[in-house]
Amino acid sequence: MARFVWPSGYSRSPGRVFSVGVSTMASLLTVALSTATVAFAQIPAGEFAVRRDSLAARIDSGVVVAFGGRALVHDFSTFYQLPAFRYLTNFEEPDAALVIVVRNRKAQSTLYVTPLDGRTAFYYGKRVDSTTSEKLFGMKGRSFAALSGVLDSLAGTGLPFFDVPDVETMDFSKADSLTRGQEAMKNIRRKFPTLAVRNAMPHILQLRGRKSAAEMALIKKAAEISSEGHRSAMLTANPMHEYELRASLGYAADITRTIPVSGTFTTEQKQIYQLVRDAQAVAERNSKAGMRIKGAIDSSVFVRARGLAALGLVESEDATFDPPWTVNCAQQPSACRQSNLWMIHGITHGIGLAVHDPIQGNAATGTFAMGDAFTIEPGIYISTRALDVLPDTPKNRAFIAKVRATVLRYQNTGVRIEDDYIITDTGLERISLVPREISEIEALMKQRRVITP
């Protein structure tokens, strides 16, 4: 999955800017496995058993139920296992389930698999069956057809159930409510109305937040591959369409660069770009182990707000407006600052099995810790379209009158700079080594070939 951001409005003027971002961390391990050397071949098999044991220690006693992804309904794309299921099993085939029976923090895991008949397997390849599951994955295997009866039996033991929602990300779990796993848990609740059913995902996300040495190695390899793709994009001759850059980038980590198509930033583009780069730099300095995550976020916001005020794009660092979103400005004045109109997203998230993977601390109260893998990605996006959606209030009319001329000067200029980082026992390390300074980008783009139509 690739994300291409076009905050500049994609006009065809020579000064236009491409903001190139790639988000394929959902297939991170697959990318690294297919391109890496033996040293980066895989997560050690024993690590998956440790993960299941760690989950068992957190819940003490209960039944963990996890469903994997379903088989694709067509032959034209690649199956990717759901991140939580893969984290616990390393099982990359569809139509499977995992049941972990935990008693006094001791786990007994069973993998429920769906083999293919011989003719179908001739086309799609042979799947793991109950006789090969334990040898390959360290878990006893059973037919998926037996799962329903097993769950009914376990529901009668009095042990609470811990459901692992079979969704790609919890961001959309409420909307994605008709999955096979969630329907199965609804059925269990109907049949056993007194059964305690809890959400296991918070425990799993906490475990996933701390990356092991093997995971760090794979993430670094993916970032290395992505970095080469971004350099290739910067060297693409005369790019006129998004697909030309897409072809250059290929697979990647979660990295974004904003580059001038002409090869040289305009004065206005340089001003916005350097402001974003300064905001990233201050966040980096505040993203070391033991430091508060909110400190990194707040420092980046402060630098951008101060710079936007200096450029005349807001009335002052702390000036407020009446936003087009629902918020109580008296209780949350920071949410109503004018600078938020030009800073439309957060600056960090975890990376790993998913594009937005967990980190160990939360943004409000948590701290960075060894084992974290994350992005720092401030952005600023200037367009009169943002002014056009503001409610018609006296405060907003005064704001618009004050800044509109300056907004037109920077019209359709958008910049995001996103890098990947890990925290190890040696400190914070940036692992996405793509040119990001203005001089570096312009120097590299001067090496492009020019194709004359």
Protein backbone atom coordinates (compact mmCIF):
# COMPACT_ATOMS: atom_id res chain seq x y z
CA MET A 1 0.00 0.00 0.00
CA ALA A 2 1.49 3.31 -1.05
CA ARG A 3 0.31 6.73 -0.02
CA PHE A 4 1.07 9.68 -2.30
CA VAL A 5 0.33 13.12 -0.89
CA TRP A 6 -0.20 16.07 -3.25
CA PRO A 7 -0.59 19.05 -0.91
CA SER A 8 0.64 21.47 -3.55
CA GLY A 9 -2.64 21.19 -5.44
CA TYR A 10 -0.84 19.42 -8.31
CA SER A 11 -0.75 22.35 -10.67
CA ARG A 12 1.50 21.88 -13.66
CA SER A 13 3.54 25.01 -12.99
CA PRO A 14 7.34 24.54 -12.98
CA GLY A 15 7.52 25.33 -9.28
CA ARG A 16 5.10 22.62 -8.14
CA VAL A 17 6.12 20.27 -5.35
CA PHE A 18 5.54 16.53 -5.04
CA SER A 19 5.14 15.25 -1.51
CA VAL A 20 5.99 11.58 -1.75
CA GLY A 21 4.99 9.35 1.12
CA VAL A 22 5.00 5.58 1.25
CA SER A 23 3.24 3.45 3.84
CA THR A 24 3.82 -0.26 3.41
CA MET A 25 4.71 -1.20 6.96
CA ALA A 26 1.69 -3.52 6.94
CA SER A 27 3.82 -5.75 4.71
CA LEU A 28 7.04 -4.80 6.44
CA LEU A 29 8.25 -8.24 7.31
CA THR A 30 7.30 -9.63 3.91
CA VAL A 31 9.31 -6.90 2.21
CA ALA A 32 12.30 -7.52 4.42
CA LEU A 33 12.11 -11.28 4.02
CA SER A 34 11.98 -11.11 0.26
CA THR A 35 14.90 -8.74 -0.13
CA ALA A 36 17.18 -9.28 2.84
CA THR A 37 20.15 -11.47 3.46
CA VAL A 38 20.05 -14.51 5.69
CA ALA A 39 20.85 -12.33 8.69
CA PHE A 40 17.44 -10.71 8.26
CA ALA A 41 15.61 -13.88 7.27
CA GLN A 42 12.92 -14.09 9.95
CA ILE A 43 11.84 -13.65 13.52
CA PRO A 44 13.19 -16.66 15.48
CA ALA A 45 10.50 -19.31 15.94
CA GLY A 46 10.88 -19.27 19.71
CA GLU A 47 10.01 -15.58 19.84
CA PHE A 48 6.40 -16.29 18.89
CA ALA A 49 6.06 -18.74 21.78
CA VAL A 50 7.48 -16.07 24.10
CA ARG A 51 4.85 -13.62 22.84
CA ARG A 52 2.04 -16.07 23.61
CA ASP A 53 3.52 -16.74 27.06
CA SER A 54 3.76 -13.01 27.71
CA LEU A 55 0.10 -12.61 26.78
CA ALA A 56 -0.79 -15.48 29.11
CA ALA A 57 1.08 -13.80 31.96
CA ARG A 58 -0.98 -10.66 31.45
CA ILE A 59 -4.41 -12.34 31.55
CA ASP A 60 -3.59 -14.99 34.21
CA SER A 61 -6.47 -17.33 33.33
CA GLY A 62 -8.86 -17.38 30.38
CA VAL A 63 -9.38 -18.38 26.77
CA VAL A 64 -7.80 -16.24 24.05
CA VAL A 65 -9.59 -16.50 20.70
CA ALA A 66 -8.02 -14.99 17.57
CA PHE A 67 -9.14 -15.34 13.96
CA GLY A 68 -6.76 -14.81 11.06
CA GLY A 69 -7.53 -13.18 7.74
CA ARG A 70 -9.90 -14.73 5.20
CA ALA A 71 -8.88 -16.07 1.82
CA LEU A 72 -9.13 -13.50 -0.96
CA VAL A 73 -12.18 -13.79 -3.16
CA HIS A 74 -10.11 -13.24 -6.30
CA ASP A 75 -6.70 -14.18 -7.63
CA PHE A 76 -5.37 -10.74 -8.43
CA SER A 77 -3.68 -9.59 -5.25
CA THR A 78 -1.61 -10.94 -2.38
CA PHE A 79 -2.95 -12.22 0.94
CA TYR A 80 -1.46 -10.53 3.99
CA GLN A 81 -2.11 -11.92 7.44
CA LEU A 82 -3.76 -9.70 10.06
CA PRO A 83 -1.02 -8.10 12.19
CA ALA A 84 -2.20 -9.33 15.60
CA PHE A 85 -2.64 -12.89 14.36
CA ARG A 86 0.74 -12.92 12.70
CA TYR A 87 2.35 -11.45 15.80
CA LEU A 88 1.14 -14.38 17.91
CA THR A 89 1.56 -17.21 15.39
CA ASN A 90 3.81 -16.35 12.41
CA PHE A 91 1.11 -18.13 10.41
CA GLU A 92 0.66 -16.53 7.00
CA GLU A 93 -2.08 -18.67 5.50
CA PRO A 94 -5.75 -17.62 5.42
CA ASP A 95 -8.77 -19.13 7.16
CA ALA A 96 -7.13 -20.02 10.46
CA ALA A 97 -7.81 -19.40 14.14
CA LEU A 98 -5.79 -19.54 17.35
CA VAL A 99 -7.09 -20.63 20.74
CA ILE A 100 -4.89 -20.20 23.81
CA VAL A 101 -6.20 -21.77 27.00
CA VAL A 102 -4.52 -20.06 29.95
CA ARG A 103 -4.62 -21.40 33.48
CA ASN A 104 -2.51 -19.76 36.17
CA ARG A 105 -0.48 -17.94 33.49
CA LYS A 106 0.39 -21.18 31.69
CA ALA A 107 -0.59 -21.23 28.02
CA GLN A 108 -1.68 -24.12 25.83
CA SER A 109 -2.03 -23.04 22.21
CA THR A 110 -3.88 -24.73 19.37
CA LEU A 111 -3.92 -23.62 15.74
CA TYR A 112 -7.08 -24.32 13.77
CA VAL A 113 -6.31 -24.59 10.07
CA THR A 114 -8.21 -25.04 6.80
CA PRO A 115 -6.34 -27.31 4.37
CA LEU A 116 -7.23 -27.26 0.69
CA ASP A 117 -8.39 -30.27 -1.25
CA GLY A 118 -5.82 -31.80 -3.57
CA ARG A 119 -7.08 -30.22 -6.79
CA THR A 120 -7.33 -26.70 -5.35
CA ALA A 121 -3.92 -27.10 -3.72
CA PHE A 122 -2.54 -27.92 -7.17
CA TYR A 123 -3.33 -24.32 -8.17
CA TYR A 124 -2.72 -22.43 -4.94
CA GLY A 125 -0.17 -24.57 -3.13
CA LYS A 126 -0.53 -26.98 -0.23
CA ARG A 127 -1.52 -25.49 3.11
CA VAL A 128 -0.45 -26.46 6.60
CA ASP A 129 -2.61 -29.18 8.12
CA SER A 130 -3.08 -30.55 11.62
CA THR A 131 -0.20 -33.02 11.18
CA THR A 132 2.40 -30.39 10.24
CA SER A 133 1.29 -27.49 12.45
CA GLU A 134 3.29 -28.41 15.54
CA LYS A 135 6.49 -29.08 13.62
CA LEU A 136 6.31 -25.82 11.70
CA PHE A 137 4.81 -23.46 14.27
CA GLY A 138 5.24 -25.09 17.66
CA MET A 139 1.49 -25.44 18.20
CA LYS A 140 -0.82 -28.42 17.96
CA GLY A 141 -3.09 -28.26 14.95
CA ARG A 142 -6.73 -29.10 14.48
CA SER A 143 -9.23 -28.72 11.69
CA PHE A 144 -11.00 -25.37 11.60
CA ALA A 145 -14.27 -27.30 11.38
CA ALA A 146 -13.78 -28.39 15.01
CA LEU A 147 -13.45 -24.83 16.34
CA SER A 148 -17.12 -24.11 17.03
CA GLY A 149 -17.55 -27.17 19.21
CA VAL A 150 -14.32 -26.45 21.08
CA LEU A 151 -15.40 -22.89 21.86
CA ASP A 152 -18.76 -24.11 23.15
CA SER A 153 -16.98 -26.58 25.40
CA LEU A 154 -14.55 -23.97 26.72
CA ALA A 155 -17.38 -21.52 27.35
CA GLY A 156 -18.78 -24.00 29.84
CA THR A 157 -15.59 -24.07 31.94
CA GLY A 158 -16.22 -20.71 33.56
CA LEU A 159 -13.01 -19.22 32.18
CA PRO A 160 -13.40 -15.72 30.72
CA PHE A 161 -12.90 -15.29 26.99
CA PHE A 162 -10.38 -12.79 25.58
CA ASP A 163 -11.32 -11.79 22.05
CA VAL A 164 -8.70 -10.63 19.54
CA PRO A 165 -10.75 -8.65 16.96
CA ASP A 166 -9.90 -9.82 13.44
CA VAL A 167 -9.35 -6.36 12.00
CA GLU A 168 -6.38 -4.81 10.25
CA THR A 169 -6.31 -1.94 12.73
CA MET A 170 -8.37 -0.99 15.76
CA ASP A 171 -8.94 2.43 14.18
CA PHE A 172 -11.75 0.88 12.13
CA SER A 173 -12.88 -1.97 14.37
CA LYS A 174 -16.33 -0.48 15.02
CA ALA A 175 -17.03 0.01 11.34
CA ASP A 176 -15.63 -3.41 10.42
CA SER A 177 -18.04 -5.31 12.66
CA LEU A 178 -19.12 -8.15 10.36
CA THR A 179 -15.89 -10.09 10.23
CA ARG A 180 -15.96 -13.84 10.74
CA GLY A 181 -14.29 -13.60 14.13
CA GLN A 182 -16.57 -10.91 15.47
CA GLU A 183 -19.64 -12.77 14.24
CA ALA A 184 -18.34 -15.89 15.98
CA MET A 185 -17.96 -14.01 19.26
CA LYS A 186 -21.46 -12.57 18.92
CA ASN A 187 -22.75 -16.11 18.53
CA ILE A 188 -20.85 -17.22 21.65
CA ARG A 189 -22.35 -14.35 23.64
CA ARG A 190 -25.85 -15.29 22.50
CA LYS A 191 -25.41 -18.91 23.50
CA PHE A 192 -23.68 -18.12 26.79
CA PRO A 193 -25.10 -14.80 28.02
CA THR A 194 -23.31 -14.96 31.37
CA LEU A 195 -19.90 -15.60 29.83
CA ALA A 196 -17.36 -12.85 30.50
CA VAL A 197 -15.89 -11.70 27.17
CA ARG A 198 -13.05 -9.17 27.24
CA ASN A 199 -10.96 -7.46 24.60
CA ALA A 200 -7.46 -8.92 24.34
CA MET A 201 -6.20 -6.35 21.86
CA PRO A 202 -4.99 -3.79 24.46
CA HIS A 203 -2.68 -6.47 25.91
CA ILE A 204 -1.38 -7.40 22.46
CA LEU A 205 -0.81 -3.79 21.44
CA GLN A 206 1.24 -3.22 24.60
CA LEU A 207 3.36 -6.26 23.77
CA ARG A 208 3.78 -5.16 20.16
CA GLY A 209 4.89 -1.71 21.31
CA ARG A 210 8.29 -2.99 22.44
CA LYS A 211 10.23 -4.29 19.46
CA SER A 212 12.72 -7.12 19.86
CA ALA A 213 16.22 -7.08 18.36
CA ALA A 214 15.00 -9.23 15.46
CA GLU A 215 12.10 -6.88 14.77
CA MET A 216 14.41 -3.87 14.90
CA ALA A 217 16.66 -5.50 12.30
CA LEU A 218 13.73 -6.06 9.95
CA ILE A 219 12.42 -2.53 10.41
CA LYS A 220 15.88 -1.11 9.67
CA LYS A 221 16.10 -3.24 6.54
CA ALA A 222 12.72 -2.03 5.34
CA ALA A 223 13.77 1.58 5.96
CA GLU A 224 16.98 0.97 4.01
CA ILE A 225 14.98 -0.34 1.05
CA SER A 226 12.58 2.58 1.28
CA SER A 227 15.42 5.08 1.40
CA GLU A 228 16.79 3.73 -1.87
CA GLY A 229 13.33 4.01 -3.39
CA HIS A 230 13.04 7.65 -2.37
CA ARG A 231 16.44 8.46 -3.86
CA SER A 232 15.29 6.81 -7.06
CA ALA A 233 12.14 8.94 -7.05
CA MET A 234 14.22 12.09 -6.68
CA LEU A 235 16.19 11.02 -9.75
CA THR A 236 13.15 10.25 -11.90
CA ALA A 237 13.42 12.20 -15.12
CA ASN A 238 10.69 14.78 -15.82
CA PRO A 239 7.97 13.23 -13.60
CA MET A 240 4.53 14.32 -14.76
CA HIS A 241 2.34 11.64 -13.20
CA GLU A 242 2.07 9.93 -9.83
CA TYR A 243 2.59 6.46 -11.34
CA GLU A 244 6.07 7.43 -12.53
CA LEU A 245 7.15 8.07 -8.95
CA ARG A 246 5.30 4.98 -7.77
CA ALA A 247 7.34 2.85 -10.14
CA SER A 248 10.55 4.30 -8.76
CA LEU A 249 9.63 3.84 -5.12
CA GLY A 250 8.53 0.21 -5.02
CA TYR A 251 8.20 -1.29 -1.54
CA ALA A 252 9.05 0.87 1.42
CA ALA A 253 8.83 1.73 5.09
CA ASP A 254 6.83 4.77 6.23
CA ILE A 255 8.80 7.72 4.89
CA THR A 256 7.68 10.98 3.28
CA ARG A 257 9.70 13.51 1.32
CA THR A 258 8.54 16.72 -0.34
CA ILE A 259 10.49 17.48 -3.49
CA PRO A 260 10.33 20.25 -6.12
CA VAL A 261 9.51 18.84 -9.54
CA SER A 262 11.67 21.49 -11.16
CA GLY A 263 14.58 20.38 -9.01
CA THR A 264 14.78 23.69 -7.15
CA PHE A 265 12.58 24.99 -4.35
CA THR A 266 11.05 28.45 -4.76
CA THR A 267 11.64 31.02 -2.01
CA GLU A 268 8.18 30.40 -0.53
CA GLN A 269 8.61 26.63 -0.68
CA LYS A 270 11.97 26.91 1.07
CA GLN A 271 10.43 28.93 3.88
CA ILE A 272 7.71 26.39 4.57
CA TYR A 273 10.06 23.44 4.08
CA GLN A 274 12.67 24.76 6.50
CA LEU A 275 9.99 25.49 9.08
CA VAL A 276 8.80 21.88 8.91
CA ARG A 277 12.37 20.60 9.00
CA ASP A 278 13.09 22.70 12.13
CA ALA A 279 9.94 21.29 13.74
CA GLN A 280 11.13 17.76 13.00
CA ALA A 281 14.59 18.51 14.41
CA VAL A 282 13.25 19.79 17.72
CA ALA A 283 10.96 16.77 18.02
CA GLU A 284 13.97 14.51 17.45
CA ARG A 285 15.83 16.17 20.30
CA ASN A 286 12.84 15.45 22.55
CA SER A 287 12.32 11.83 21.51
CA LYS A 288 14.88 9.99 23.61
CA ALA A 289 14.21 7.20 26.09
CA GLY A 290 12.58 8.53 29.24
CA MET A 291 11.33 11.73 27.61
CA ARG A 292 7.61 12.43 27.40
CA ILE A 293 6.01 11.80 24.03
CA LYS A 294 3.85 14.88 24.55
CA GLY A 295 7.02 16.94 24.94
CA ALA A 296 8.15 15.98 21.44
CA ILE A 297 4.72 16.78 20.03
CA ASP A 298 4.38 20.11 21.84
CA SER A 299 7.86 21.26 20.86
CA SER A 300 7.14 20.59 17.19
CA VAL A 301 3.82 22.43 17.39
CA PHE A 302 5.49 25.42 19.10
CA VAL A 303 8.20 25.75 16.43
CA ARG A 304 5.65 25.63 13.61
CA ALA A 305 3.23 28.04 15.30
CA ARG A 306 6.03 30.53 15.91
CA GLY A 307 7.18 30.24 12.31
CA LEU A 308 3.68 30.58 10.88
CA ALA A 309 3.25 33.76 12.90
CA ALA A 310 6.56 35.13 11.60
CA LEU A 311 5.45 34.48 8.02
CA GLY A 312 2.10 36.17 8.60
CA LEU A 313 0.00 33.04 8.12
CA VAL A 314 -1.53 33.40 11.60
CA GLU A 315 -2.11 36.52 13.64
CA SER A 316 0.14 35.35 16.48
CA GLU A 317 1.47 32.13 18.00
CA ASP A 318 -1.49 31.81 20.36
CA ALA A 319 -4.17 33.53 18.27
CA THR A 320 -7.42 31.57 18.13
CA PHE A 321 -10.25 31.16 15.65
CA ASP A 322 -13.66 29.48 15.54
CA PRO A 323 -12.82 26.08 14.06
CA PRO A 324 -15.05 24.11 11.68
CA TRP A 325 -14.89 21.10 14.01
CA THR A 326 -16.73 20.56 17.28
CA VAL A 327 -14.67 21.67 20.27
CA ASN A 328 -15.12 23.69 23.45
CA CYS A 329 -12.55 26.44 22.98
CA ALA A 330 -12.90 27.61 26.58
CA GLN A 331 -11.92 24.18 27.86
CA GLN A 332 -9.43 23.33 25.07
CA PRO A 333 -7.93 26.61 23.83
CA SER A 334 -5.01 24.82 22.19
CA ALA A 335 -7.44 23.06 19.85
CA CYS A 336 -8.66 26.44 18.62
CA ARG A 337 -5.35 28.03 17.71
CA GLN A 338 -5.18 29.42 14.19
CA SER A 339 -1.97 27.49 13.53
CA ASN A 340 -3.95 24.22 13.71
CA LEU A 341 -5.62 25.17 10.44
CA TRP A 342 -2.28 24.62 8.67
CA MET A 343 -1.13 21.64 10.77
CA ILE A 344 -3.72 18.98 10.06
CA HIS A 345 -2.21 15.79 11.50
CA GLY A 346 -0.11 14.50 14.36
CA ILE A 347 3.63 14.02 14.21
CA THR A 348 4.27 10.44 15.36
CA HIS A 349 3.01 6.88 15.38
CA GLY A 350 4.56 3.47 15.87
CA ILE A 351 5.76 1.34 12.95
CA GLY A 352 6.12 -2.41 12.66
CA LEU A 353 3.67 -5.06 11.48
CA ALA A 354 1.12 -2.35 10.66
CA VAL A 355 1.52 1.09 9.09
CA HIS A 356 0.40 2.59 12.39
CA ASP A 357 1.81 0.16 14.93
CA PRO A 358 1.67 0.74 18.69
CA ILE A 359 4.48 2.17 20.77
CA GLN A 360 4.90 1.50 24.46
CA GLY A 361 3.70 4.87 25.78
CA ASN A 362 0.59 6.86 24.91
CA ALA A 363 0.79 10.36 23.49
CA ALA A 364 -0.91 12.03 26.45
CA THR A 365 1.09 10.70 29.40
CA GLY A 366 3.60 8.17 28.13
CA THR A 367 7.35 8.31 27.63
CA PHE A 368 9.62 6.98 24.93
CA ALA A 369 11.37 3.73 25.84
CA MET A 370 13.99 1.36 24.51
CA GLY A 371 12.38 -0.93 21.96
CA ASP A 372 10.19 1.79 20.42
CA ALA A 373 10.03 2.12 16.62
CA PHE A 374 8.19 5.19 15.37
CA THR A 375 7.95 8.09 12.93
CA ILE A 376 8.40 11.83 13.32
CA GLU A 377 6.39 13.56 10.59
CA PRO A 378 5.41 17.22 11.04
CA GLY A 379 3.66 18.95 8.19
CA ILE A 380 2.27 22.32 7.07
CA TYR A 381 -0.27 22.72 4.26
CA ILE A 382 -1.32 26.17 2.98
CA SER A 383 -4.40 26.72 0.81
CA THR A 384 -7.26 29.20 0.63
CA ARG A 385 -9.54 26.16 0.67
CA ALA A 386 -8.87 25.90 4.41
CA LEU A 387 -10.08 29.47 4.88
CA ASP A 388 -13.18 28.78 2.78
CA VAL A 389 -14.48 26.11 5.18
CA LEU A 390 -14.32 28.32 8.29
CA PRO A 391 -17.64 29.28 9.91
CA ASP A 392 -18.73 32.85 9.17
CA THR A 393 -18.09 34.51 12.54
CA PRO A 394 -16.65 37.94 13.44
CA LYS A 395 -13.45 36.33 14.76
CA ASN A 396 -12.95 34.29 11.59
CA ARG A 397 -13.68 37.24 9.30
CA ALA A 398 -10.98 39.24 11.05
CA PHE A 399 -8.54 36.34 10.81
CA ILE A 400 -9.21 35.81 7.11
CA ALA A 401 -8.89 39.50 6.32
CA LYS A 402 -5.52 39.61 8.08
CA VAL A 403 -3.92 36.55 6.45
CA ARG A 404 -5.57 36.01 3.05
CA ALA A 405 -2.99 37.95 1.05
CA THR A 406 -0.18 35.98 2.67
CA VAL A 407 -2.01 32.70 2.15
CA LEU A 408 -2.25 33.51 -1.55
CA ARG A 409 1.51 34.03 -1.62
CA TYR A 410 2.02 30.48 -0.29
CA GLN A 411 -1.04 29.06 -2.05
CA ASN A 412 -0.99 25.26 -2.51
CA THR A 413 2.35 24.84 -0.79
CA GLY A 414 2.39 21.77 1.41
CA VAL A 415 5.31 20.04 3.09
CA ARG A 416 5.62 16.88 5.12
CA ILE A 417 8.94 15.38 6.20
CA GLU A 418 8.62 11.91 7.72
CA ASP A 419 11.42 9.73 9.01
CA ASP A 420 11.62 6.42 10.86
CA TYR A 421 13.41 5.96 14.19
CA ILE A 422 14.23 3.26 16.71
CA ILE A 423 15.39 3.51 20.32
CA THR A 424 18.06 1.03 21.32
CA ASP A 425 20.49 0.80 24.23
CA THR A 426 22.71 3.26 22.35
CA GLY A 427 19.95 5.88 22.04
CA LEU A 428 17.74 7.31 19.29
CA GLU A 429 18.64 6.24 15.74
CA ARG A 430 17.18 7.59 12.50
CA ILE A 431 16.98 4.64 10.13
CA SER A 432 15.47 6.32 7.03
CA LEU A 433 18.59 7.87 5.53
CA VAL A 434 16.99 9.76 2.67
CA PRO A 435 18.18 13.28 1.78
CA ARG A 436 16.02 15.76 3.68
CA GLU A 437 17.89 19.07 3.81
CA ILE A 438 17.04 21.53 1.06
CA SER A 439 20.61 21.56 -0.24
CA GLU A 440 20.80 17.75 -0.24
CA ILE A 441 17.58 17.34 -2.20
CA GLU A 442 18.47 19.97 -4.78
CA ALA A 443 21.97 18.54 -5.21
CA LEU A 444 20.62 15.04 -5.81
CA MET A 445 17.93 16.22 -8.22
CA LYS A 446 20.54 18.01 -10.31
CA GLN A 447 21.78 14.53 -11.24
CA ARG A 448 18.50 13.68 -12.98
CA ARG A 449 18.44 12.88 -16.63
CA VAL A 450 16.37 15.28 -18.73
CA ILE A 451 14.18 13.74 -21.38
CA THR A 452 13.17 16.03 -24.23
CA PRO A 453 9.74 15.13 -25.64
